Amino acid sequence: MIGFEISFKDEKLIAAETGSTFLIFTRVKNKDRDELDLSVTGSSYNF
């Protein structure tokens, strides 16, 4: 089995083992702010 798990402060946010998963990391950095965004989407073909 190949998969992954995303956790934050010891809380599981998402886990995936089958189907398609897309992870998009976006960083905005300028003199006023420095932000990191994580978008997770996916599809399951089990149905």
Protein backbone atom coordinates (compact mmCIF):
# COMPACT_ATOMS: atom_id res chain seq x y z
CA MET A 1 0.00 0.00 0.00
CA ILE A 2 1.28 3.48 -0.94
CA GLY A 3 -0.35 6.53 0.56
CA PHE A 4 0.17 9.62 2.64
CA GLU A 5 -1.22 11.44 5.62
CA ILE A 6 -1.25 15.16 6.42
CA SER A 7 -1.33 16.10 10.10
CA PHE A 8 -1.28 19.40 11.94
CA LYS A 9 -0.66 19.62 15.70
CA ASP A 10 -1.14 15.84 16.08
CA GLU A 11 -4.55 15.93 14.34
CA LYS A 12 -4.99 13.96 11.10
CA LEU A 13 -6.38 16.29 8.45
CA ILE A 14 -6.38 14.00 5.41
CA ALA A 15 -5.18 10.57 4.36
CA ALA A 16 -5.19 8.92 0.96
CA GLU A 17 -4.49 5.41 -0.27
CA THR A 18 -6.32 5.03 -3.59
CA GLY A 19 -7.51 7.18 -6.48
CA SER A 20 -5.95 10.44 -7.62
CA THR A 21 -4.70 13.10 -5.25
CA PHE A 22 -3.47 16.56 -6.15
CA LEU A 23 -1.39 18.68 -3.77
CA ILE A 24 -0.77 22.32 -4.65
CA PHE A 25 1.58 24.42 -2.53
CA THR A 26 1.42 28.18 -3.11
CA ARG A 27 3.66 30.73 -1.46
CA VAL A 28 3.09 34.49 -1.48
CA LYS A 29 5.99 36.55 -0.21
CA ASN A 30 6.46 40.28 -0.38
CA LYS A 31 7.46 43.04 2.03
CA ASP A 32 4.13 42.91 3.90
CA ARG A 33 3.37 39.21 4.14
CA ASP A 34 4.73 35.69 3.82
CA GLU A 35 2.00 33.06 3.36
CA LEU A 36 1.98 29.38 2.50
CA ASP A 37 -1.21 27.73 1.23
CA LEU A 38 -1.88 24.00 0.75
CA SER A 39 -4.75 22.85 -1.48
CA VAL A 40 -5.68 19.16 -1.54
CA THR A 41 -8.18 17.66 -3.99
CA GLY A 42 -8.72 14.21 -5.35
CA SER A 43 -10.92 11.54 -6.86
CA SER A 44 -11.77 8.02 -5.85
CA TYR A 45 -12.48 5.39 -8.47
CA ASN A 46 -13.79 2.82 -5.98
CA PHE A 47 -17.42 3.75 -6.67
